[in-house]
N, C-alpha and C. Protein backbone atom coordinates (compact mmCIF):
# COMPACT_ATOMS: atom_id res chain seq x y z
N ASP A 1 73.35 126.87 57.28
CA ASP A 1 73.31 125.52 57.69
C ASP A 1 72.12 125.78 58.92
N PRO A 2 71.27 124.69 59.04
CA PRO A 2 70.13 124.87 59.95
C PRO A 2 70.76 124.58 61.43
N ALA A 3 70.13 125.24 62.30
CA ALA A 3 70.76 125.01 63.78
C ALA A 3 70.17 123.53 64.27
N VAL A 4 71.16 123.11 65.06
CA VAL A 4 70.85 121.72 65.51
C VAL A 4 70.74 122.02 67.09
N PRO A 5 69.49 121.73 67.61
CA PRO A 5 69.37 121.77 69.01
C PRO A 5 70.20 121.04 69.90
N VAL A 6 70.97 121.91 70.91
CA VAL A 6 71.82 121.07 71.83
C VAL A 6 71.55 121.27 73.23
N ALA A 7 71.36 120.31 73.92
CA ALA A 7 70.93 120.34 75.30
C ALA A 7 72.26 120.75 76.25
N GLY A 8 72.04 121.38 77.16
CA GLY A 8 73.25 121.62 78.11
C GLY A 8 74.23 122.25 77.27
N ASN A 9 75.68 121.67 77.94
CA ASN A 9 76.84 121.99 77.34
C ASN A 9 77.17 121.38 76.01
N GLY A 10 76.19 120.66 75.52
CA GLY A 10 76.58 120.06 74.14
C GLY A 10 77.33 118.73 74.22
N ALA A 11 77.52 118.54 75.51
CA ALA A 11 78.23 117.12 75.70
C ALA A 11 77.08 115.93 75.78
N ALA A 12 77.56 114.63 75.33
CA ALA A 12 76.53 113.48 75.30
C ALA A 12 76.25 113.46 76.77
N PRO A 13 75.08 113.13 77.09
CA PRO A 13 74.41 112.93 78.57
C PRO A 13 75.23 111.80 79.02
N ALA A 14 75.29 111.88 80.42
CA ALA A 14 76.33 110.68 81.07
C ALA A 14 75.22 109.65 81.19
N PRO A 15 75.75 108.32 81.30
CA PRO A 15 74.99 107.27 81.75
C PRO A 15 74.35 107.22 82.95
N SER A 16 73.19 106.74 82.95
CA SER A 16 72.22 106.81 84.39
C SER A 16 73.34 105.75 85.31
N PRO A 17 73.17 106.04 86.60
CA PRO A 17 74.21 105.21 87.54
C PRO A 17 73.62 103.98 87.52
N GLU A 18 72.49 103.43 86.90
CA GLU A 18 71.96 102.16 86.84
C GLU A 18 72.73 101.49 85.54
N GLU A 19 73.07 102.32 84.63
CA GLU A 19 73.56 101.78 83.36
C GLU A 19 75.23 101.75 83.33
N PRO A 20 75.62 100.65 83.23
CA PRO A 20 77.05 100.42 83.06
C PRO A 20 77.62 101.31 81.77
N GLU A 21 78.69 101.64 82.07
CA GLU A 21 79.30 102.57 80.75
C GLU A 21 80.00 101.48 79.85
N THR A 22 79.70 101.63 78.57
CA THR A 22 80.25 100.85 77.38
C THR A 22 81.31 101.71 76.56
N SER A 23 81.39 103.08 76.49
CA SER A 23 82.58 103.46 75.94
C SER A 23 83.67 103.53 76.98
N GLY A 24 84.94 103.39 76.45
CA GLY A 24 85.99 103.40 77.34
C GLY A 24 86.52 101.94 77.62
N LEU A 25 85.56 101.05 77.49
CA LEU A 25 85.84 99.65 78.13
C LEU A 25 86.73 99.12 76.84
N GLN A 26 87.92 98.49 77.30
CA GLN A 26 88.88 98.08 76.38
C GLN A 26 89.49 96.84 76.82
N PRO A 27 90.42 96.09 76.25
CA PRO A 27 91.16 94.95 76.80
C PRO A 27 91.95 95.51 77.90
N VAL A 28 92.08 94.83 78.86
CA VAL A 28 92.87 95.11 80.17
C VAL A 28 93.68 93.94 80.59
N ASP A 29 94.76 94.00 80.53
CA ASP A 29 95.80 92.85 81.05
C ASP A 29 95.75 93.00 82.60
N LEU A 30 95.22 91.89 83.09
CA LEU A 30 95.28 91.88 84.67
C LEU A 30 96.66 91.75 85.10
N ARG A 31 97.47 91.09 84.44
CA ARG A 31 98.92 90.98 84.95
C ARG A 31 99.43 92.64 85.45
N ARG A 32 99.24 93.17 84.32
CA ARG A 32 99.64 94.72 84.69
C ARG A 32 98.95 95.53 85.77
N VAL A 33 97.47 95.26 85.86
CA VAL A 33 96.74 95.79 86.74
C VAL A 33 97.38 95.38 88.17
N VAL A 34 97.42 94.06 88.34
CA VAL A 34 97.96 93.39 89.63
C VAL A 34 99.20 94.21 90.09
N GLY A 35 100.19 94.13 89.02
CA GLY A 35 101.59 94.71 89.03
C GLY A 35 101.62 96.01 89.67
N VAL A 36 100.74 96.93 89.07
CA VAL A 36 100.66 98.40 89.33
C VAL A 36 99.98 98.42 90.67
N SER A 37 98.93 97.60 90.94
CA SER A 37 98.32 97.85 92.42
C SER A 37 99.56 97.39 93.48
N LEU A 38 100.13 96.15 93.28
CA LEU A 38 101.20 95.87 94.36
C LEU A 38 102.11 96.89 94.45
N ASP A 39 102.70 97.58 93.39
CA ASP A 39 103.61 98.56 93.39
C ASP A 39 102.95 99.54 94.24
N ARG A 40 102.00 100.04 94.13
CA ARG A 40 101.46 101.25 94.82
C ARG A 40 101.23 100.89 96.28
N MET A 41 100.97 99.62 96.62
CA MET A 41 100.87 99.08 98.06
C MET A 41 102.17 98.75 98.59
N GLU A 42 103.32 98.79 97.93
CA GLU A 42 104.49 98.25 98.37
C GLU A 42 105.11 98.49 99.75
N SER A 43 104.93 99.72 100.26
CA SER A 43 105.54 100.14 101.50
C SER A 43 104.62 99.38 102.63
N ARG A 44 103.37 99.34 102.37
CA ARG A 44 102.58 98.59 103.46
C ARG A 44 102.68 97.29 103.34
N LEU A 45 102.71 96.63 102.22
CA LEU A 45 103.11 95.16 102.15
C LEU A 45 104.39 94.66 102.85
N THR A 46 105.39 95.76 102.50
CA THR A 46 106.90 95.32 103.10
C THR A 46 106.72 95.29 104.50
N GLU A 47 105.92 96.60 104.98
CA GLU A 47 106.07 96.71 106.44
C GLU A 47 105.52 95.69 107.09
N ARG A 48 104.25 95.08 106.56
CA ARG A 48 103.83 94.02 107.29
C ARG A 48 104.41 92.65 107.03
N ARG A 49 105.30 92.61 106.07
CA ARG A 49 105.90 91.25 105.71
C ARG A 49 104.93 90.39 105.01
N VAL A 50 104.04 90.97 104.15
CA VAL A 50 103.05 90.13 103.52
C VAL A 50 103.44 89.12 102.50
N ARG A 51 102.97 87.88 102.62
CA ARG A 51 103.21 86.82 101.45
C ARG A 51 102.03 87.08 100.35
N VAL A 52 102.68 87.41 99.33
CA VAL A 52 101.66 87.66 98.21
C VAL A 52 101.96 86.52 97.13
N SER A 53 100.97 85.86 96.86
CA SER A 53 101.22 84.80 95.60
C SER A 53 100.28 85.24 94.52
N VAL A 54 100.87 85.18 93.38
CA VAL A 54 99.86 85.50 92.16
C VAL A 54 99.90 84.41 91.15
N GLU A 55 99.04 83.95 90.63
CA GLU A 55 98.77 82.55 89.85
C GLU A 55 99.12 83.07 88.48
N PRO A 56 100.04 82.30 88.06
CA PRO A 56 100.44 82.84 86.61
C PRO A 56 99.39 82.75 85.50
N GLY A 57 99.53 83.49 84.58
CA GLY A 57 98.64 83.61 83.33
C GLY A 57 97.29 84.42 83.69
N LEU A 58 97.22 85.52 84.62
CA LEU A 58 95.87 86.30 84.86
C LEU A 58 95.61 86.75 83.24
N PRO A 59 94.37 86.52 83.10
CA PRO A 59 93.87 86.84 81.69
C PRO A 59 93.74 88.21 81.43
N THR A 60 93.52 88.63 80.10
CA THR A 60 92.90 89.98 79.64
C THR A 60 91.48 89.87 79.94
N VAL A 61 90.90 91.02 80.38
CA VAL A 61 89.35 91.24 80.33
C VAL A 61 89.02 92.62 79.78
N HIS A 62 87.69 92.87 79.55
CA HIS A 62 87.31 94.20 79.10
C HIS A 62 86.93 94.92 80.25
N GLY A 63 87.39 96.09 80.26
CA GLY A 63 87.09 96.98 81.33
C GLY A 63 87.98 98.26 81.16
N ASN A 64 88.14 98.92 82.32
CA ASN A 64 88.77 100.06 82.53
C ASN A 64 90.11 100.18 83.30
N GLU A 65 91.13 100.33 82.82
CA GLU A 65 92.40 100.11 83.46
C GLU A 65 92.61 100.86 84.62
N ASP A 66 92.24 102.10 84.69
CA ASP A 66 92.46 102.95 85.82
C ASP A 66 91.51 102.48 87.07
N LYS A 67 90.20 102.26 86.53
CA LYS A 67 89.29 101.66 87.64
C LYS A 67 89.54 100.34 88.11
N LEU A 68 90.26 99.52 87.35
CA LEU A 68 90.61 98.22 87.95
C LEU A 68 91.83 98.17 88.86
N VAL A 69 92.84 99.17 88.55
CA VAL A 69 93.99 99.29 89.45
C VAL A 69 93.25 99.84 90.96
N ASP A 70 92.49 100.78 90.90
CA ASP A 70 91.89 101.03 92.04
C ASP A 70 91.25 100.13 92.89
N VAL A 71 90.25 99.19 92.22
CA VAL A 71 89.59 98.24 92.74
C VAL A 71 90.64 97.23 93.20
N PHE A 72 91.82 96.84 92.46
CA PHE A 72 92.60 95.81 93.06
C PHE A 72 93.33 96.36 94.43
N GLU A 73 93.69 97.78 94.18
CA GLU A 73 94.40 98.31 95.31
C GLU A 73 93.50 98.14 96.46
N ALA A 74 92.19 98.63 96.30
CA ALA A 74 91.18 98.44 97.50
C ALA A 74 91.22 97.13 98.15
N LEU A 75 91.05 96.16 97.03
CA LEU A 75 90.85 94.62 97.52
C LEU A 75 92.14 94.33 98.59
N LEU A 76 93.35 94.72 98.08
CA LEU A 76 94.65 94.33 98.79
C LEU A 76 94.68 95.28 100.11
N ALA A 77 94.10 96.37 100.13
CA ALA A 77 94.26 97.05 101.42
C ALA A 77 93.26 96.51 102.36
N ASP A 78 91.92 96.03 101.85
CA ASP A 78 91.07 95.45 102.56
C ASP A 78 91.51 94.12 103.27
N ALA A 79 92.23 93.55 102.36
CA ALA A 79 92.61 91.97 102.79
C ALA A 79 93.78 92.36 103.77
N LEU A 80 94.60 93.14 103.64
CA LEU A 80 95.70 93.56 104.80
C LEU A 80 95.01 93.97 106.05
N ASP A 81 94.00 94.86 105.78
CA ASP A 81 93.54 95.41 106.92
C ASP A 81 92.71 94.46 107.84
N SER A 82 92.37 93.28 107.20
CA SER A 82 91.45 92.27 108.11
C SER A 82 92.39 91.32 108.77
N VAL A 83 93.80 91.48 108.45
CA VAL A 83 94.51 90.40 109.37
C VAL A 83 95.25 91.17 110.46
N PRO A 84 94.97 90.42 111.76
CA PRO A 84 95.12 91.11 113.08
C PRO A 84 96.82 91.30 113.06
N ALA A 85 97.34 92.27 113.61
CA ALA A 85 98.64 92.66 113.72
C ALA A 85 99.66 91.37 114.26
N ASP A 86 98.97 90.73 115.00
CA ASP A 86 100.20 89.39 115.31
C ASP A 86 100.11 88.38 114.41
N ARG A 87 99.57 88.52 113.31
CA ARG A 87 99.62 87.19 112.33
C ARG A 87 100.24 87.94 111.19
N ARG A 88 100.96 87.13 110.31
CA ARG A 88 101.81 87.40 109.23
C ARG A 88 100.79 87.41 108.08
N PRO A 89 100.49 88.37 107.40
CA PRO A 89 99.17 88.41 106.21
C PRO A 89 99.82 87.53 105.13
N GLU A 90 98.69 86.72 104.52
CA GLU A 90 98.89 85.96 103.27
C GLU A 90 97.82 86.48 102.26
N ILE A 91 98.20 86.81 101.09
CA ILE A 91 97.24 87.18 100.07
C ILE A 91 97.52 86.31 98.94
N ARG A 92 96.49 85.73 98.33
CA ARG A 92 96.72 84.95 97.22
C ARG A 92 95.69 85.38 96.04
N ILE A 93 96.29 85.60 94.71
CA ILE A 93 95.26 86.05 93.61
C ILE A 93 95.52 84.75 92.71
N ARG A 94 94.05 84.39 92.31
CA ARG A 94 94.11 83.19 91.52
C ARG A 94 92.97 83.48 90.63
N TRP A 95 92.83 82.86 89.53
CA TRP A 95 91.71 83.09 88.71
C TRP A 95 90.89 81.71 88.06
N GLU A 96 89.77 81.84 87.79
CA GLU A 96 89.06 80.70 87.07
C GLU A 96 88.26 81.00 85.98
N THR A 97 87.77 80.23 85.33
CA THR A 97 86.67 80.54 83.98
C THR A 97 85.49 79.60 84.27
N PRO A 98 84.58 80.20 85.19
CA PRO A 98 83.19 79.33 85.07
C PRO A 98 82.57 79.82 83.60
N PRO A 99 81.60 79.36 83.25
CA PRO A 99 80.83 79.41 81.97
C PRO A 99 80.71 80.93 81.71
N GLU A 100 80.95 81.17 80.61
CA GLU A 100 80.55 82.79 80.12
C GLU A 100 81.14 83.68 80.92
N SER A 101 82.10 83.27 81.84
CA SER A 101 82.98 84.70 82.44
C SER A 101 84.36 84.23 82.96
N VAL A 102 85.02 85.33 83.23
CA VAL A 102 86.42 85.20 84.22
C VAL A 102 86.03 85.51 85.41
N ARG A 103 86.74 84.79 86.50
CA ARG A 103 86.43 85.16 88.06
C ARG A 103 87.81 85.16 88.33
N ILE A 104 88.15 86.41 89.18
CA ILE A 104 89.43 86.57 89.90
C ILE A 104 89.22 86.59 91.31
N LEU A 105 90.17 85.86 92.10
CA LEU A 105 89.71 85.37 93.57
C LEU A 105 90.88 85.94 94.25
N VAL A 106 90.77 86.63 95.16
CA VAL A 106 91.72 87.39 96.13
C VAL A 106 91.34 86.70 97.59
N GLN A 107 92.25 85.98 98.03
CA GLN A 107 92.02 85.12 99.26
C GLN A 107 93.07 85.89 100.22
N ASP A 108 92.58 85.97 101.45
CA ASP A 108 93.33 86.30 102.56
C ASP A 108 93.31 85.42 103.84
N ASN A 109 94.12 85.52 104.75
CA ASN A 109 94.03 84.83 105.86
C ASN A 109 93.78 85.73 107.30
N GLY A 110 92.77 86.53 107.02
CA GLY A 110 92.51 87.64 108.06
C GLY A 110 91.34 87.12 108.61
N ASP A 111 90.77 87.91 109.43
CA ASP A 111 89.42 87.73 109.89
C ASP A 111 88.43 87.67 108.83
N PRO A 112 87.09 86.74 109.19
CA PRO A 112 86.21 86.64 108.23
C PRO A 112 85.48 87.78 107.88
N ALA A 113 84.97 87.98 106.65
CA ALA A 113 84.49 89.34 106.07
C ALA A 113 83.40 89.82 107.26
N GLU A 114 82.66 88.99 107.79
CA GLU A 114 81.52 89.47 108.53
C GLU A 114 82.05 90.37 109.78
N ASN A 115 83.33 90.04 110.17
CA ASN A 115 83.71 90.86 111.35
C ASN A 115 84.82 91.89 110.83
N GLY A 116 85.11 91.95 109.52
CA GLY A 116 86.05 92.96 108.84
C GLY A 116 85.63 94.45 109.06
N GLY A 117 86.35 95.45 109.92
CA GLY A 117 85.80 96.56 110.02
C GLY A 117 85.57 97.25 108.74
N SER A 118 86.65 97.49 107.92
CA SER A 118 86.49 98.45 106.67
C SER A 118 85.79 97.73 105.64
N ARG A 119 85.42 96.50 105.63
CA ARG A 119 85.16 95.80 104.46
C ARG A 119 83.58 96.25 103.87
N GLY A 120 82.72 96.67 104.65
CA GLY A 120 81.59 97.05 104.26
C GLY A 120 81.43 98.19 103.31
N ALA A 121 81.99 99.45 103.92
CA ALA A 121 82.32 100.53 103.03
C ALA A 121 83.24 100.38 101.75
N ARG A 122 84.37 99.96 102.23
CA ARG A 122 85.09 99.84 101.06
C ARG A 122 84.40 98.85 99.97
N PHE A 123 84.06 97.91 100.29
CA PHE A 123 83.58 96.81 99.33
C PHE A 123 82.26 97.55 98.46
N GLY A 124 81.62 98.21 99.19
CA GLY A 124 80.42 99.03 98.15
C GLY A 124 81.21 99.78 97.12
N GLU A 125 82.12 100.41 97.33
CA GLU A 125 82.78 101.05 96.34
C GLU A 125 83.47 100.15 95.23
N ILE A 126 83.89 98.85 95.79
CA ILE A 126 84.36 98.01 94.64
C ILE A 126 83.35 97.49 93.84
N GLU A 127 82.11 97.34 94.51
CA GLU A 127 81.03 96.80 93.76
C GLU A 127 80.61 97.63 92.97
N GLU A 128 80.45 98.86 92.97
CA GLU A 128 80.01 100.11 92.23
C GLU A 128 80.83 100.06 91.17
N ALA A 129 82.17 100.08 91.23
CA ALA A 129 83.18 100.18 90.25
C ALA A 129 82.94 99.04 89.29
N MET A 130 82.76 97.81 89.83
CA MET A 130 82.55 96.62 89.01
C MET A 130 81.35 96.68 88.11
N GLU A 131 80.26 97.31 88.83
CA GLU A 131 78.95 97.22 87.97
C GLU A 131 79.14 98.33 86.88
N SER A 132 79.89 99.32 87.08
CA SER A 132 79.97 100.48 86.09
C SER A 132 80.67 99.78 84.71
N ILE A 133 81.48 98.79 84.70
CA ILE A 133 81.99 98.16 83.61
C ILE A 133 81.46 96.73 83.40
N TRP A 134 80.20 96.42 83.65
CA TRP A 134 79.58 95.40 83.49
C TRP A 134 80.13 94.24 84.44
N GLY A 135 80.84 94.45 85.40
CA GLY A 135 81.20 93.23 86.20
C GLY A 135 80.62 93.10 87.42
N ARG A 136 80.87 92.15 88.28
CA ARG A 136 80.25 91.90 89.47
C ARG A 136 81.38 91.68 90.57
N ALA A 137 80.98 91.77 91.98
CA ALA A 137 82.06 91.60 92.87
C ALA A 137 81.41 90.88 94.11
N GLY A 138 82.04 90.27 94.94
CA GLY A 138 81.46 89.66 96.04
C GLY A 138 82.38 89.09 96.93
N LEU A 139 81.88 88.80 98.19
CA LEU A 139 82.70 88.37 99.30
C LEU A 139 82.20 87.04 99.91
N GLU A 140 83.13 86.24 100.17
CA GLU A 140 82.58 84.97 100.84
C GLU A 140 83.77 84.50 101.92
N GLY A 141 83.34 83.56 102.61
CA GLY A 141 84.48 82.70 103.49
C GLY A 141 85.45 82.07 102.57
N GLY A 142 86.81 82.21 102.84
CA GLY A 142 87.96 81.66 102.20
C GLY A 142 87.83 79.96 102.42
N PRO A 143 88.32 79.37 101.54
CA PRO A 143 88.52 77.81 101.68
C PRO A 143 89.31 77.42 102.78
N ASN A 144 90.12 78.24 103.39
CA ASN A 144 90.86 77.69 104.39
C ASN A 144 90.78 78.86 105.60
N GLY A 145 89.78 79.33 105.92
CA GLY A 145 89.44 80.46 106.71
C GLY A 145 89.69 81.79 106.08
N GLY A 146 89.86 82.95 106.64
CA GLY A 146 90.01 84.06 106.06
C GLY A 146 88.62 84.44 105.07
N THR A 147 89.09 85.26 104.10
CA THR A 147 87.98 85.68 103.28
C THR A 147 88.38 85.75 101.93
N GLN A 148 87.54 85.25 100.71
CA GLN A 148 87.68 85.37 99.56
C GLN A 148 86.95 86.46 98.71
N SER A 149 87.49 87.37 98.28
CA SER A 149 86.80 88.42 97.65
C SER A 149 86.89 87.95 95.95
N TRP A 150 85.71 88.23 95.31
CA TRP A 150 85.94 87.82 94.03
C TRP A 150 85.28 89.01 92.86
N LEU A 151 85.99 88.87 91.67
CA LEU A 151 85.54 89.80 90.73
C LEU A 151 85.10 89.01 89.73
N GLU A 152 84.06 89.30 88.95
CA GLU A 152 83.56 88.56 87.67
C GLU A 152 83.50 89.43 86.72
N PHE A 153 84.08 88.99 85.60
CA PHE A 153 83.94 89.62 84.25
C PHE A 153 83.38 88.81 83.22
N PRO A 154 82.43 89.49 82.13
CA PRO A 154 82.11 88.51 81.07
C PRO A 154 83.00 88.21 80.06
N ALA A 155 82.98 87.02 79.80
CA ALA A 155 83.92 86.41 79.00
C ALA A 155 84.00 87.23 77.68
N THR A 156 85.41 87.44 77.32
CA THR A 156 85.48 88.36 76.10
C THR A 156 85.29 87.74 74.88
N GLY A 157 85.25 86.28 74.83
CA GLY A 157 85.30 85.58 73.59
C GLY A 157 86.63 85.48 72.80
N ASP A 158 87.73 86.17 73.40
CA ASP A 158 89.20 86.02 72.61
C ASP A 158 89.79 84.75 72.80
């Protein structure tokens, strides 16, 4: 057999940081992802008596389940950390389907994003994780004060 040249350790080259991954993306049930994230945060949410509401029917998106659990856990922690200790935190998770995408909205009643202490560093990690699976993330003022974080996924066509 003729030898086939192999670079490095023989593994496929890793995608460049600018290039989102395509292998490993699969249908992910966001109901499960949010449930796991809420379970992981349970002690903090209970301690602060957080009111969490999740709109029924969260969709399935293409992504990486482990990354998305980490993303939602970071969004919940960020929302919780933005609410002053003298205010009962409220977090609302809902979704919408703008053309060609699915958008998940996480709204809180905390201080606006501009003043949120940890939001910059933590949100940079969220943006990076979303970009790695062909998604986007952003922060904006909430409709009733507070902050609204959003995650956007390409439509799956399902």
